[in-house]
Amino acid sequence: VMNDAEGIRNLIGTGIIQLVGGKLTASIALLVGAVFVNLFGTLIASPFNDVLSGRVEALEGRLPAGTATTWAQAVGRFGLVLIDEIKKWTVYLAVMALLVPLMIVPVAGHVAFTVLGSLVTFWFLGFEYLDYCFSRRLMRFSDRRAFCWRNKTAIIGLGAAIASTTMIPFAGLVVMPLAVVGATLVFLELHPASSDQPPSAQPQSQQAS
């Protein structure tokens, strides 16, 4: 083979494809692994993060009426949080599974899987950190998903920022509370204040519409 120019080119080409494909696959695997670790951390720290997010809303004057930011309430919502996590993980893994066939295509397929998989992961991670605000408003899972899809650019940006910082070794303990605060502020910017008011408190023109 080594005396055949065509064989040498094929050998080099195959090696480059395997190298590029391997690097891209390793990158997405590292990203997904970091997300797994991050999400398990947020699940464990859920009561603390819930209280922190609620305090941010209170400081912004946007805490929904009748909502408290107590540890007892946060711990009491843990069961609902766990159910929501199962739903989110089911959706995430289903979408990632649909992207796996792209890996069959050399180079281009690996690139497409890496790009699309990263976008899905960033969106999912942004969704994860907004969930404290969603839960506080008792939003249905379908409404949460629709909200994140409508604001996908902002959600992906939020998730990318969180993912890039949480991949720094030992940075999770510092990054997680900051991510909760940042995600809460992003939600308040995207979610109209009028949506949190009971119908009797909304302007008459808005009620009529």
Protein backbone atom coordinates (compact mmCIF):
# COMPACT_ATOMS: atom_id res chain seq x y z
CA VAL A 1 0.00 0.00 0.00
CA MET A 2 2.79 2.44 0.89
CA ASN A 3 4.18 2.23 -2.68
CA ASP A 4 0.80 3.10 -4.16
CA ALA A 5 0.14 6.89 -4.25
CA GLU A 6 -3.64 6.38 -4.34
CA GLY A 7 -3.43 4.02 -1.37
CA ILE A 8 -1.37 6.53 0.60
CA ARG A 9 -3.90 9.29 -0.12
CA ASN A 10 -6.77 7.05 0.95
CA LEU A 11 -4.92 6.09 4.11
CA ILE A 12 -4.22 9.73 4.99
CA GLY A 13 -7.78 10.75 4.15
CA THR A 14 -9.24 8.00 6.33
CA GLY A 15 -6.94 9.00 9.16
CA ILE A 16 -7.97 12.65 8.95
CA ILE A 17 -11.67 11.70 8.92
CA GLN A 18 -11.24 9.48 11.95
CA LEU A 19 -9.23 12.16 13.77
CA VAL A 20 -11.73 14.96 13.08
CA GLY A 21 -14.70 12.74 13.82
CA GLY A 22 -13.12 11.52 17.04
CA LYS A 23 -12.33 15.06 18.21
CA LEU A 24 -15.85 16.28 17.50
CA THR A 25 -17.45 13.28 19.18
CA ALA A 26 -15.23 13.76 22.22
CA SER A 27 -16.21 17.44 22.37
CA ILE A 28 -19.94 16.76 22.40
CA ALA A 29 -19.44 13.90 24.87
CA LEU A 30 -17.55 16.28 27.18
CA LEU A 31 -20.31 18.87 26.87
CA VAL A 32 -23.10 16.37 27.56
CA GLY A 33 -21.11 14.95 30.47
CA ALA A 34 -20.71 18.43 31.95
CA VAL A 35 -24.46 18.97 31.57
CA PHE A 36 -25.20 15.68 33.37
CA VAL A 37 -22.98 16.70 36.28
CA ASN A 38 -24.46 20.18 36.31
CA LEU A 39 -28.05 18.96 36.32
CA PHE A 40 -27.47 16.46 39.09
CA GLY A 41 -25.93 19.33 41.05
CA THR A 42 -28.94 21.57 40.41
CA LEU A 43 -31.29 18.78 41.47
CA ILE A 44 -29.48 18.33 44.77
CA ALA A 45 -29.25 22.09 45.32
CA SER A 46 -32.82 22.67 44.12
CA PRO A 47 -34.25 23.96 47.45
CA PHE A 48 -31.41 26.48 47.83
CA ASN A 49 -31.65 27.57 44.19
CA ASP A 50 -35.42 27.91 44.44
CA VAL A 51 -35.13 30.22 47.47
CA LEU A 52 -32.35 32.22 45.79
CA SER A 53 -34.39 32.67 42.60
CA GLY A 54 -37.40 33.75 44.66
CA ARG A 55 -35.34 36.32 46.56
CA VAL A 56 -34.14 37.78 43.25
CA GLU A 57 -37.74 38.10 42.06
CA ALA A 58 -38.70 39.74 45.37
CA LEU A 59 -35.88 42.27 45.03
CA GLU A 60 -37.08 43.05 41.50
CA GLY A 61 -40.65 43.45 42.77
CA ARG A 62 -41.86 40.60 40.55
CA LEU A 63 -42.60 37.81 43.04
CA PRO A 64 -46.06 36.38 42.18
CA ALA A 65 -48.80 37.17 44.69
CA GLY A 66 -49.19 34.54 47.39
CA THR A 67 -45.76 33.07 46.73
CA ALA A 68 -43.31 32.76 49.62
CA THR A 69 -39.57 32.22 49.44
CA THR A 70 -39.21 29.90 52.44
CA TRP A 71 -37.09 26.79 52.79
CA ALA A 72 -40.17 24.76 53.76
CA GLN A 73 -41.93 25.68 50.52
CA ALA A 74 -38.84 24.97 48.44
CA VAL A 75 -38.36 21.54 50.04
CA GLY A 76 -42.07 20.83 49.63
CA ARG A 77 -41.78 21.40 45.87
CA PHE A 78 -38.91 18.93 45.53
CA GLY A 79 -41.23 16.11 44.41
CA LEU A 80 -42.63 18.27 41.61
CA VAL A 81 -39.10 19.29 40.65
CA LEU A 82 -38.11 15.64 40.34
CA ILE A 83 -41.08 14.91 38.07
CA ASP A 84 -40.22 17.91 35.90
CA GLU A 85 -36.61 16.73 35.68
CA ILE A 86 -37.74 13.33 34.38
CA LYS A 87 -39.88 15.03 31.71
CA LYS A 88 -37.02 17.31 30.63
CA TRP A 89 -34.51 14.48 30.48
CA THR A 90 -36.93 12.38 28.43
CA VAL A 91 -37.29 15.18 25.87
CA TYR A 92 -33.55 15.92 25.83
CA LEU A 93 -32.46 12.31 25.37
CA ALA A 94 -35.14 11.74 22.70
CA VAL A 95 -33.92 14.72 20.66
CA MET A 96 -30.26 13.70 21.04
CA ALA A 97 -31.18 10.15 19.95
CA LEU A 98 -32.73 11.57 16.77
CA LEU A 99 -29.42 13.27 15.99
CA VAL A 100 -27.29 10.14 16.46
CA PRO A 101 -27.82 8.85 12.85
CA LEU A 102 -25.89 11.91 11.63
CA MET A 103 -22.75 10.23 13.00
CA ILE A 104 -22.95 7.72 10.16
CA VAL A 105 -21.95 10.42 7.66
CA PRO A 106 -18.15 11.01 7.75
CA VAL A 107 -16.95 14.48 8.80
CA ALA A 108 -20.07 16.43 7.68
CA GLY A 109 -22.29 14.25 9.83
CA HIS A 110 -19.97 14.62 12.81
CA VAL A 111 -19.90 18.38 12.36
CA ALA A 112 -23.71 18.54 12.06
CA PHE A 113 -24.14 16.36 15.16
CA THR A 114 -21.72 18.50 17.15
CA VAL A 115 -23.36 21.80 16.15
CA LEU A 116 -26.97 20.65 16.53
CA GLY A 117 -26.22 18.65 19.67
CA SER A 118 -24.53 21.66 21.24
CA LEU A 119 -27.50 23.93 20.42
CA VAL A 120 -29.95 21.40 21.87
CA THR A 121 -27.79 21.05 24.98
CA PHE A 122 -27.49 24.82 25.46
CA TRP A 123 -31.26 25.25 25.04
CA PHE A 124 -31.93 22.45 27.49
CA LEU A 125 -29.51 23.89 30.05
CA GLY A 126 -31.13 27.34 29.79
CA PHE A 127 -34.53 25.67 30.24
CA GLU A 128 -33.19 23.96 33.36
CA TYR A 129 -32.21 27.17 35.11
CA LEU A 130 -35.46 28.95 34.22
CA ASP A 131 -37.49 26.17 35.78
CA TYR A 132 -37.52 27.77 39.23
CA CYS A 133 -39.49 30.70 37.83
CA PHE A 134 -41.76 28.34 35.90
CA SER A 135 -42.50 26.22 38.96
CA ARG A 136 -43.25 29.30 41.06
CA ARG A 137 -45.99 30.21 38.57
CA LEU A 138 -47.29 26.62 38.32
CA MET A 139 -46.76 26.66 34.55
CA ARG A 140 -47.53 23.44 32.70
CA PHE A 141 -44.63 21.60 31.12
CA SER A 142 -45.97 22.27 27.62
CA ASP A 143 -46.16 26.02 28.41
CA ARG A 144 -42.60 26.00 29.76
CA ARG A 145 -41.35 24.30 26.63
CA ALA A 146 -43.28 26.73 24.43
CA PHE A 147 -41.85 29.72 26.34
CA CYS A 148 -38.29 28.47 25.85
CA TRP A 149 -38.91 27.78 22.16
CA ARG A 150 -40.35 31.27 21.57
CA ASN A 151 -37.29 32.78 23.21
CA LYS A 152 -34.83 30.20 21.91
CA THR A 153 -32.09 32.68 21.03
CA ALA A 154 -31.95 34.07 24.57
CA ILE A 155 -32.31 30.60 26.11
CA ILE A 156 -29.50 29.14 23.99
CA GLY A 157 -27.28 32.11 24.86
CA LEU A 158 -28.00 31.61 28.55
CA GLY A 159 -27.28 27.89 28.33
CA ALA A 160 -24.04 28.46 26.39
CA ALA A 161 -22.80 30.90 29.02
CA ILE A 162 -23.62 28.46 31.82
CA ALA A 163 -22.08 25.49 30.01
CA SER A 164 -18.84 27.29 29.19
CA THR A 165 -18.33 28.35 32.80
CA THR A 166 -19.36 25.08 34.45
CA MET A 167 -16.76 23.20 32.38
CA ILE A 168 -14.06 25.06 34.33
CA PRO A 169 -12.76 22.67 37.04
CA PHE A 170 -14.16 23.34 40.54
CA ALA A 171 -16.07 26.39 39.29
CA GLY A 172 -19.51 24.82 39.77
CA LEU A 173 -19.98 25.94 43.37
CA VAL A 174 -19.49 29.57 42.37
CA VAL A 175 -21.13 29.44 38.95
CA MET A 176 -24.39 27.73 39.96
CA PRO A 177 -25.74 30.51 42.24
CA LEU A 178 -24.70 33.15 39.69
CA ALA A 179 -26.42 31.14 36.95
CA VAL A 180 -29.63 30.97 39.01
CA VAL A 181 -29.56 34.75 39.52
CA GLY A 182 -28.80 35.38 35.83
CA ALA A 183 -31.49 32.98 34.62
CA THR A 184 -34.08 34.59 36.91
CA LEU A 185 -33.25 38.04 35.54
CA VAL A 186 -33.46 36.71 31.96
CA PHE A 187 -36.89 35.25 32.71
CA LEU A 188 -38.15 38.51 34.21
CA GLU A 189 -36.98 40.37 31.10
CA LEU A 190 -38.72 37.93 28.76
CA HIS A 191 -41.89 37.44 30.82
CA PRO A 192 -44.24 40.47 30.96
CA ALA A 193 -45.03 41.66 34.48
CA SER A 194 -48.73 41.82 33.55
CA SER A 195 -48.73 38.03 33.10
CA ASP A 196 -48.17 37.62 36.84
CA GLN A 197 -51.16 39.76 37.81
CA PRO A 198 -54.55 38.24 38.61
CA PRO A 199 -57.29 39.16 36.09
CA SER A 200 -58.86 41.68 38.51
CA ALA A 201 -55.55 43.60 38.70
CA GLN A 202 -55.07 43.89 34.93
CA PRO A 203 -56.19 46.95 32.95
CA GLN A 204 -59.76 46.79 31.64
CA SER A 205 -58.62 47.06 28.03
CA GLN A 206 -56.40 44.02 28.53
CA GLN A 207 -59.25 42.07 30.17
CA ALA A 208 -61.58 42.92 27.27
CA SER A 209 -59.09 41.58 24.74
